[in-house]
C-alpha atoms as a PDB file:
ATOM      1  CA  MET A   1      -0.028  -0.016  -0.021  1.00  0.00           C
ATOM      2  CA  GLU A   2       2.841   2.467   0.860  1.00  0.00           C
ATOM      3  CA  ASN A   3       4.364   1.773  -2.586  1.00  0.00           C
ATOM      4  CA  LEU A   4       1.037   2.468  -4.211  1.00  0.00           C
ATOM      5  CA  PHE A   5       0.830   5.941  -2.546  1.00  0.00           C
ATOM      6  CA  THR A   6       4.409   6.855  -3.137  1.00  0.00           C
ATOM      7  CA  SER A   7       3.996   6.063  -7.069  1.00  0.00           C
ATOM      8  CA  LEU A   8       1.051   8.436  -7.287  1.00  0.00           C
ATOM      9  CA  PRO A   9       1.991  11.709  -9.028  1.00  0.00           C
ATOM     10  CA  MET A  10       1.926  14.726  -6.653  1.00  0.00           C
ATOM     11  CA  VAL A  11      -0.116  17.732  -7.345  1.00  0.00           C
ATOM     12  CA  ALA A  12       2.085  20.410  -8.825  1.00  0.00           C
ATOM     13  CA  ARG A  13       2.837  23.288  -6.462  1.00  0.00           C
ATOM     14  CA  MET A  14       1.399  26.783  -7.387  1.00  0.00           C
ATOM     15  CA  ALA A  15       2.926  29.973  -6.158  1.00  0.00           C
ATOM     16  CA  THR A  16       0.537  32.321  -4.445  1.00  0.00           C
ATOM     17  CA  ASP A  17       1.505  34.959  -7.092  1.00  0.00           C
ATOM     18  CA  ASP A  18       1.146  32.774 -10.074  1.00  0.00           C
ATOM     19  CA  TYR A  19      -1.793  34.672 -11.609  1.00  0.00           C
ATOM     20  CA  VAL A  20      -1.293  32.786 -14.849  1.00  0.00           C
ATOM     21  CA  GLY A  21      -1.628  29.428 -13.148  1.00  0.00           C
ATOM     22  CA  PHE A  22      -4.782  30.911 -11.328  1.00  0.00           C
ATOM     23  CA  THR A  23      -6.511  31.718 -14.438  1.00  0.00           C
ATOM     24  CA  PHE A  24      -5.813  28.064 -15.879  1.00  0.00           C
ATOM     25  CA  PHE A  25      -7.266  26.645 -12.741  1.00  0.00           C
ATOM     26  CA  VAL A  26     -10.303  28.874 -12.557  1.00  0.00           C
ATOM     27  CA  GLY A  27     -10.849  28.497 -16.289  1.00  0.00           C
ATOM     28  CA  CYS A  28     -10.873  24.589 -15.960  1.00  0.00           C
ATOM     29  CA  MET A  29     -13.311  24.598 -13.033  1.00  0.00           C
ATOM     30  CA  ALA A  30     -15.587  27.238 -14.775  1.00  0.00           C
ATOM     31  CA  MET A  31     -15.737  25.142 -18.001  1.00  0.00           C
ATOM     32  CA  MET A  32     -16.517  21.795 -16.052  1.00  0.00           C
ATOM     33  CA  ALA A  33     -19.377  23.746 -14.151  1.00  0.00           C
ATOM     34  CA  ALA A  34     -20.764  25.088 -17.349  1.00  0.00           C
ATOM     35  CA  SER A  35     -20.775  21.562 -18.919  1.00  0.00           C
ATOM     36  CA  ALA A  36     -22.509  20.039 -16.117  1.00  0.00           C
ATOM     37  CA  PHE A  37     -25.182  22.771 -16.096  1.00  0.00           C
ATOM     38  CA  PHE A  38     -25.848  22.432 -19.901  1.00  0.00           C
ATOM     39  CA  PHE A  39     -25.857  18.769 -19.976  1.00  0.00           C
ATOM     40  CA  LEU A  40     -28.287  18.332 -17.051  1.00  0.00           C
ATOM     41  CA  SER A  41     -30.633  20.992 -18.446  1.00  0.00           C
ATOM     42  CA  MET A  42     -31.005  19.350 -21.839  1.00  0.00           C
ATOM     43  CA  ASN A  43     -34.299  17.590 -21.127  1.00  0.00           C
ATOM     44  CA  SER A  44     -35.874  20.708 -19.914  1.00  0.00           C
ATOM     45  CA  PHE A  45     -36.284  22.130 -23.433  1.00  0.00           C
ATOM     46  CA  ASP A  46     -38.348  21.404 -26.533  1.00  0.00           C
ATOM     47  CA  ARG A  47     -36.755  18.680 -28.582  1.00  0.00           C
ATOM     48  CA  LYS A  48     -35.666  20.955 -31.449  1.00  0.00           C
ATOM     49  CA  TRP A  49     -33.298  23.032 -29.064  1.00  0.00           C
ATOM     50  CA  ARG A  50     -31.664  20.124 -27.403  1.00  0.00           C
ATOM     51  CA  THR A  51     -28.968  19.867 -29.955  1.00  0.00           C
ATOM     52  CA  SER A  52     -27.993  23.443 -29.472  1.00  0.00           C
ATOM     53  CA  ILE A  53     -27.785  22.951 -25.718  1.00  0.00           C
ATOM     54  CA  LEU A  54     -25.707  19.739 -26.331  1.00  0.00           C
ATOM     55  CA  VAL A  55     -23.199  21.475 -28.452  1.00  0.00           C
ATOM     56  CA  SER A  56     -22.932  24.287 -25.883  1.00  0.00           C
ATOM     57  CA  GLY A  57     -22.050  21.591 -23.323  1.00  0.00           C
ATOM     58  CA  LEU A  58     -19.718  20.025 -25.670  1.00  0.00           C
ATOM     59  CA  ILE A  59     -17.828  23.263 -26.246  1.00  0.00           C
ATOM     60  CA  THR A  60     -17.336  24.007 -22.466  1.00  0.00           C
ATOM     61  CA  PHE A  61     -16.516  20.095 -21.858  1.00  0.00           C
ATOM     62  CA  ILE A  62     -13.800  19.941 -24.472  1.00  0.00           C
ATOM     63  CA  ALA A  63     -12.411  23.119 -23.062  1.00  0.00           C
ATOM     64  CA  ALA A  64     -12.377  21.915 -19.538  1.00  0.00           C
ATOM     65  CA  VAL A  65     -10.489  18.776 -20.617  1.00  0.00           C
ATOM     66  CA  HIS A  66      -7.802  20.800 -22.349  1.00  0.00           C
ATOM     67  CA  TYR A  67      -7.692  23.355 -19.499  1.00  0.00           C
ATOM     68  CA  TRP A  68      -6.936  20.557 -17.089  1.00  0.00           C
ATOM     69  CA  TYR A  69      -3.847  19.499 -19.296  1.00  0.00           C
ATOM     70  CA  MET A  70      -2.873  23.183 -19.814  1.00  0.00           C
ATOM     71  CA  ARG A  71      -2.923  23.872 -16.173  1.00  0.00           C
ATOM     72  CA  ASP A  72      -0.688  20.915 -15.392  1.00  0.00           C
ATOM     73  CA  TYR A  73       1.586  21.798 -18.323  1.00  0.00           C
ATOM     74  CA  TRP A  74       1.929  25.505 -17.143  1.00  0.00           C
ATOM     75  CA  SER A  75       2.670  24.143 -13.536  1.00  0.00           C
ATOM     76  CA  GLY A  76       5.397  21.729 -14.710  1.00  0.00           C
ATOM     77  CA  PHE A  77       7.040  23.776 -17.298  1.00  0.00           C
ATOM     78  CA  ALA A  78       5.967  27.447 -16.859  1.00  0.00           C
ATOM     79  CA  GLU A  79       5.553  27.631 -20.757  1.00  0.00           C
ATOM     80  CA  SER A  80       2.645  28.509 -22.839  1.00  0.00           C
ATOM     81  CA  PRO A  81       0.771  25.325 -23.776  1.00  0.00           C
ATOM     82  CA  THR A  82       0.369  26.497 -27.249  1.00  0.00           C
ATOM     83  CA  PHE A  83      -0.247  23.017 -28.931  1.00  0.00           C
ATOM     84  CA  PHE A  84      -2.994  22.052 -26.287  1.00  0.00           C
ATOM     85  CA  ARG A  85      -4.682  25.468 -26.698  1.00  0.00           C
ATOM     86  CA  TYR A  86      -4.871  25.090 -30.493  1.00  0.00           C
ATOM     87  CA  VAL A  87      -6.126  21.594 -30.276  1.00  0.00           C
ATOM     88  CA  ASP A  88      -8.804  22.926 -28.081  1.00  0.00           C
ATOM     89  CA  TRP A  89      -9.799  25.780 -30.390  1.00  0.00           C
ATOM     90  CA  ILE A  90      -9.730  23.715 -33.557  1.00  0.00           C
ATOM     91  CA  LEU A  91     -12.509  21.711 -31.879  1.00  0.00           C
ATOM     92  CA  THR A  92     -14.527  24.253 -30.131  1.00  0.00           C
ATOM     93  CA  VAL A  93     -14.398  27.378 -32.295  1.00  0.00           C
ATOM     94  CA  PRO A  94     -15.965  25.474 -35.332  1.00  0.00           C
ATOM     95  CA  LEU A  95     -18.587  24.208 -32.834  1.00  0.00           C
ATOM     96  CA  MET A  96     -19.435  27.735 -31.910  1.00  0.00           C
ATOM     97  CA  CYS A  97     -19.838  28.540 -35.577  1.00  0.00           C
ATOM     98  CA  VAL A  98     -22.215  25.504 -35.742  1.00  0.00           C
ATOM     99  CA  GLU A  99     -24.389  27.257 -33.166  1.00  0.00           C
ATOM    100  CA  PHE A 100     -25.240  29.953 -35.540  1.00  0.00           C
ATOM    101  CA  PHE A 101     -26.504  27.403 -37.948  1.00  0.00           C
ATOM    102  CA  LEU A 102     -28.563  25.516 -35.390  1.00  0.00           C
ATOM    103  CA  ILE A 103     -30.448  28.613 -34.191  1.00  0.00           C
ATOM    104  CA  LEU A 104     -31.167  29.712 -37.681  1.00  0.00           C
ATOM    105  CA  ARG A 105     -32.523  26.467 -38.902  1.00  0.00           C
ATOM    106  CA  VAL A 106     -36.113  27.796 -37.863  1.00  0.00           C
ATOM    107  CA  ALA A 107     -35.551  30.276 -40.605  1.00  0.00           C
ATOM    108  CA  GLY A 108     -34.343  27.649 -43.188  1.00  0.00           C
ATOM    109  CA  ALA A 109     -30.544  27.973 -42.812  1.00  0.00           C
ATOM    110  CA  LYS A 110     -28.782  25.586 -45.146  1.00  0.00           C
ATOM    111  CA  THR A 111     -25.775  23.454 -44.289  1.00  0.00           C
ATOM    112  CA  SER A 112     -23.868  25.542 -46.866  1.00  0.00           C
ATOM    113  CA  LEU A 113     -23.789  28.310 -44.328  1.00  0.00           C
ATOM    114  CA  MET A 114     -22.585  26.026 -41.506  1.00  0.00           C
ATOM    115  CA  TRP A 115     -19.656  24.671 -43.557  1.00  0.00           C
ATOM    116  CA  ARG A 116     -18.676  28.246 -44.825  1.00  0.00           C
ATOM    117  CA  LEU A 117     -18.386  29.267 -41.214  1.00  0.00           C
ATOM    118  CA  ILE A 118     -16.551  26.185 -40.135  1.00  0.00           C
ATOM    119  CA  VAL A 119     -14.020  26.495 -43.094  1.00  0.00           C
ATOM    120  CA  LEU A 120     -13.274  30.025 -42.195  1.00  0.00           C
ATOM    121  CA  SER A 121     -12.770  29.407 -38.558  1.00  0.00           C
ATOM    122  CA  VAL A 122     -10.370  26.522 -39.557  1.00  0.00           C
ATOM    123  CA  ILE A 123      -8.396  28.837 -41.780  1.00  0.00           C
ATOM    124  CA  MET A 124      -8.366  31.495 -38.942  1.00  0.00           C
ATOM    125  CA  LEU A 125      -6.919  28.976 -36.475  1.00  0.00           C
ATOM    126  CA  VAL A 126      -4.540  27.071 -38.544  1.00  0.00           C
ATOM    127  CA  THR A 127      -2.776  30.201 -39.871  1.00  0.00           C
ATOM    128  CA  GLY A 128      -2.845  31.545 -36.229  1.00  0.00           C
ATOM    129  CA  TYR A 129      -0.994  28.464 -35.006  1.00  0.00           C
ATOM    130  CA  VAL A 130       1.553  28.626 -37.797  1.00  0.00           C
ATOM    131  CA  GLY A 131       2.356  32.241 -36.719  1.00  0.00           C
ATOM    132  CA  GLU A 132       2.578  31.497 -33.150  1.00  0.00           C
ATOM    133  CA  ALA A 133       4.385  28.135 -33.096  1.00  0.00           C
ATOM    134  CA  VAL A 134       5.882  27.350 -36.479  1.00  0.00           C
ATOM    135  CA  ASP A 135       6.943  30.413 -38.210  1.00  0.00           C
ATOM    136  CA  ARG A 136       7.172  33.079 -35.694  1.00  0.00           C
ATOM    137  CA  ASP A 137       9.486  35.223 -37.878  1.00  0.00           C
ATOM    138  CA  ASN A 138       6.549  35.906 -40.090  1.00  0.00           C
ATOM    139  CA  ALA A 139       3.886  36.001 -37.346  1.00  0.00           C
ATOM    140  CA  TRP A 140       2.540  39.383 -38.560  1.00  0.00           C
ATOM    141  CA  LEU A 141       1.719  37.831 -41.963  1.00  0.00           C
ATOM    142  CA  TRP A 142       0.078  34.753 -40.564  1.00  0.00           C
ATOM    143  CA  GLY A 143      -1.805  36.773 -38.185  1.00  0.00           C
ATOM    144  CA  LEU A 144      -2.969  39.021 -41.016  1.00  0.00           C
ATOM    145  CA  ILE A 145      -4.407  35.994 -42.938  1.00  0.00           C
ATOM    146  CA  SER A 146      -6.056  34.784 -39.780  1.00  0.00           C
ATOM    147  CA  GLY A 147      -7.528  38.199 -39.159  1.00  0.00           C
ATOM    148  CA  ILE A 148      -9.090  38.273 -42.735  1.00  0.00           C
ATOM    149  CA  ALA A 149     -10.821  34.940 -42.112  1.00  0.00           C
ATOM    150  CA  TYR A 150     -12.030  36.372 -38.824  1.00  0.00           C
ATOM    151  CA  PHE A 151     -13.393  39.522 -40.459  1.00  0.00           C
ATOM    152  CA  VAL A 152     -15.135  37.308 -43.167  1.00  0.00           C
ATOM    153  CA  ILE A 153     -16.950  35.492 -40.440  1.00  0.00           C
ATOM    154  CA  VAL A 154     -17.959  38.900 -38.888  1.00  0.00           C
ATOM    155  CA  TYR A 155     -19.384  40.094 -42.153  1.00  0.00           C
ATOM    156  CA  ASP A 156     -21.364  36.960 -42.726  1.00  0.00           C
ATOM    157  CA  ILE A 157     -23.069  36.998 -39.306  1.00  0.00           C
ATOM    158  CA  TRP A 158     -23.530  40.728 -39.061  1.00  0.00           C
ATOM    159  CA  LEU A 159     -24.361  41.638 -42.751  1.00  0.00           C
ATOM    160  CA  GLY A 160     -24.510  38.534 -44.724  1.00  0.00           C
ATOM    161  CA  LYS A 161     -26.798  35.545 -45.192  1.00  0.00           C
ATOM    162  CA  ALA A 162     -26.835  34.680 -41.332  1.00  0.00           C
ATOM    163  CA  LYS A 163     -28.095  38.243 -40.530  1.00  0.00           C
ATOM    164  CA  LYS A 164     -31.061  37.999 -43.219  1.00  0.00           C
ATOM    165  CA  LEU A 165     -31.978  34.514 -41.752  1.00  0.00           C
ATOM    166  CA  ALA A 166     -31.992  35.996 -38.323  1.00  0.00           C
ATOM    167  CA  ILE A 167     -34.352  38.889 -39.361  1.00  0.00           C
ATOM    168  CA  GLU A 168     -36.582  36.445 -41.060  1.00  0.00           C
ATOM    169  CA  ALA A 169     -36.745  34.328 -37.784  1.00  0.00           C
ATOM    170  CA  GLY A 170     -37.397  37.376 -35.657  1.00  0.00           C
ATOM    171  CA  GLY A 171     -38.249  37.540 -31.980  1.00  0.00           C
ATOM    172  CA  SER A 172     -35.904  35.634 -29.519  1.00  0.00           C
ATOM    173  CA  VAL A 173     -33.933  34.015 -32.348  1.00  0.00           C
ATOM    174  CA  LEU A 174     -32.831  37.469 -33.813  1.00  0.00           C
ATOM    175  CA  THR A 175     -32.137  38.720 -30.146  1.00  0.00           C
ATOM    176  CA  ALA A 176     -29.937  35.598 -29.506  1.00  0.00           C
ATOM    177  CA  HIS A 177     -28.246  36.149 -32.954  1.00  0.00           C
ATOM    178  CA  LYS A 178     -27.483  39.640 -32.198  1.00  0.00           C
ATOM    179  CA  THR A 179     -25.745  38.788 -28.870  1.00  0.00           C
ATOM    180  CA  LEU A 180     -23.708  35.949 -30.424  1.00  0.00           C
ATOM    181  CA  CYS A 181     -22.613  38.481 -33.149  1.00  0.00           C
ATOM    182  CA  TRP A 182     -21.379  40.837 -30.379  1.00  0.00           C
ATOM    183  CA  PHE A 183     -19.475  38.056 -28.705  1.00  0.00           C
ATOM    184  CA  VAL A 184     -17.774  37.331 -32.001  1.00  0.00           C
ATOM    185  CA  LEU A 185     -17.070  40.989 -32.654  1.00  0.00           C
ATOM    186  CA  VAL A 186     -15.823  41.930 -29.188  1.00  0.00           C
ATOM    187  CA  GLY A 187     -15.225  38.614 -27.376  1.00  0.00           C
ATOM    188  CA  TRP A 188     -13.161  37.086 -30.214  1.00  0.00           C
ATOM    189  CA  ALA A 189     -11.302  40.373 -30.596  1.00  0.00           C
ATOM    190  CA  ILE A 190      -9.554  39.454 -27.474  1.00  0.00           C
ATOM    191  CA  TYR A 191      -7.552  36.685 -29.087  1.00  0.00           C
ATOM    192  CA  PRO A 192      -5.649  38.809 -31.528  1.00  0.00           C
ATOM    193  CA  VAL A 193      -4.562  40.865 -28.481  1.00  0.00           C
ATOM    194  CA  GLY A 194      -3.212  37.604 -26.970  1.00  0.00           C
ATOM    195  CA  TYR A 195      -1.618  36.753 -30.233  1.00  0.00           C
ATOM    196  CA  MET A 196       0.278  39.944 -30.502  1.00  0.00           C
ATOM    197  CA  ALA A 197       1.288  39.720 -26.801  1.00  0.00           C
ATOM    198  CA  GLY A 198       2.937  36.483 -27.613  1.00  0.00           C
ATOM    199  CA  THR A 199       4.542  36.955 -30.965  1.00  0.00           C
ATOM    200  CA  PRO A 200       7.147  39.276 -32.454  1.00  0.00           C
ATOM    201  CA  GLY A 201       6.225  42.015 -34.753  1.00  0.00           C
ATOM    202  CA  TRP A 202       5.615  45.886 -35.232  1.00  0.00           C
ATOM    203  CA  TYR A 203       3.214  45.639 -32.347  1.00  0.00           C
ATOM    204  CA  ASP A 204       5.757  44.748 -29.700  1.00  0.00           C
ATOM    205  CA  GLY A 205       5.723  48.181 -28.101  1.00  0.00           C
ATOM    206  CA  ILE A 206       1.954  48.098 -27.769  1.00  0.00           C
ATOM    207  CA  PHE A 207       1.103  44.571 -26.401  1.00  0.00           C
ATOM    208  CA  GLY A 208       4.622  43.276 -25.382  1.00  0.00           C
ATOM    209  CA  GLY A 209       3.896  43.829 -21.685  1.00  0.00           C
ATOM    210  CA  LEU A 210       0.761  41.480 -21.631  1.00  0.00           C
ATOM    211  CA  ASP A 211       0.878  37.815 -20.911  1.00  0.00           C
ATOM    212  CA  LEU A 212      -0.830  35.985 -23.794  1.00  0.00           C
ATOM    213  CA  ASN A 213      -2.080  33.147 -21.493  1.00  0.00           C
ATOM    214  CA  VAL A 214      -4.117  35.370 -19.257  1.00  0.00           C
ATOM    215  CA  VAL A 215      -5.627  37.111 -22.321  1.00  0.00           C
ATOM    216  CA  TYR A 216      -6.431  33.860 -23.849  1.00  0.00           C
ATOM    217  CA  ASN A 217      -7.847  32.243 -20.675  1.00  0.00           C
ATOM    218  CA  ILE A 218     -10.084  35.246 -19.973  1.00  0.00           C
ATOM    219  CA  GLY A 219     -11.331  35.213 -23.638  1.00  0.00           C
ATOM    220  CA  ASP A 220     -12.139  31.586 -23.424  1.00  0.00           C
ATOM    221  CA  ALA A 221     -14.108  31.965 -20.190  1.00  0.00           C
ATOM    222  CA  ILE A 222     -16.136  34.848 -21.539  1.00  0.00           C
ATOM    223  CA  ASN A 223     -16.804  33.438 -25.189  1.00  0.00           C
ATOM    224  CA  LYS A 224     -17.449  29.874 -24.443  1.00  0.00           C
ATOM    225  CA  ILE A 225     -19.606  29.995 -21.501  1.00  0.00           C
ATOM    226  CA  GLY A 226     -21.252  33.173 -22.722  1.00  0.00           C
ATOM    227  CA  PHE A 227     -22.108  31.481 -26.028  1.00  0.00           C
ATOM    228  CA  GLY A 228     -23.643  28.692 -24.127  1.00  0.00           C
ATOM    229  CA  LEU A 229     -25.659  30.938 -21.843  1.00  0.00           C
ATOM    230  CA  VAL A 230     -27.091  32.879 -24.809  1.00  0.00           C
ATOM    231  CA  ILE A 231     -28.215  29.579 -26.392  1.00  0.00           C
ATOM    232  CA  TYR A 232     -29.649  28.442 -23.081  1.00  0.00           C
ATOM    233  CA  GLY A 233     -31.712  31.686 -22.781  1.00  0.00           C
ATOM    234  CA  LEU A 234     -32.974  31.124 -26.396  1.00  0.00           C
ATOM    235  CA  ALA A 235     -33.942  27.614 -25.573  1.00  0.00           C
ATOM    236  CA  VAL A 236     -35.769  28.727 -22.545  1.00  0.00           C
ATOM    237  CA  SER A 237     -37.624  31.309 -24.302  1.00  0.00           C
ATOM    238  CA  GLN A 238     -38.706  29.278 -27.175  1.00  0.00           C
ATOM    239  CA  SER A 239     -39.763  26.289 -25.031  1.00  0.00           C
ATOM    240  CA  GLU A 240     -41.894  28.445 -22.924  1.00  0.00           C
ATOM    241  CA  LYS A 241     -43.711  29.640 -26.018  1.00  0.00           C
ATOM    242  CA  THR A 242     -44.262  26.052 -27.095  1.00  0.00           C
ATOM    243  CA  LEU A 243     -45.850  25.269 -23.804  1.00  0.00           C
ATOM    244  CA  GLU A 244     -48.065  28.293 -24.019  1.00  0.00           C
ATOM    245  CA  VAL A 245     -49.340  27.259 -27.381  1.00  0.00           C
END
């Protein structure tokens, strides 16, 4: 029995002033709590909204698992867990794009809209990873390409086909769509700040003093949990209408 306990890995010690490690820990716990909340509430809604709630839970669950690993990686090496972070994003960000399609199906959204947003998000993330981890000497160029893909997504949801479908749907669907659009425009804009804080370029003098992990961790918590809560509010509203009818 003694050998069993001595062979177990010890919990990594975290310094009291390790604010970066603190944000990893809080992010992990917050994502886990959000996942439990979304999964356990699924059966409370009309069937057509359960998939949206399921996807919200998957987004935060995937993030919680990766934050668990990122927290340990930071504790062990005090280095940015870039690989784990981008694996998380390559799974969760396209799912966030899928949420737009799911809520707009009531207005006749086609799968082509979903795949367009997914492809754009993958381009945004892959080029971001190349700039941050592979070709740092040209980080500004890869960041520019990533930014272009991001702004195309912003255009599609604010002014393009997605916006037209949201207007056709009206009511709480339109309200939820507008809120998600603001998350993408403002919340997702946090990530370029983290990217510039962690890569070399003309922007060194502006963002060089920030820690990219803190920026990314705050952005993830706001966006992923916030996205899910918007979907949750929409599902509650629509399910209540169904019951009234």
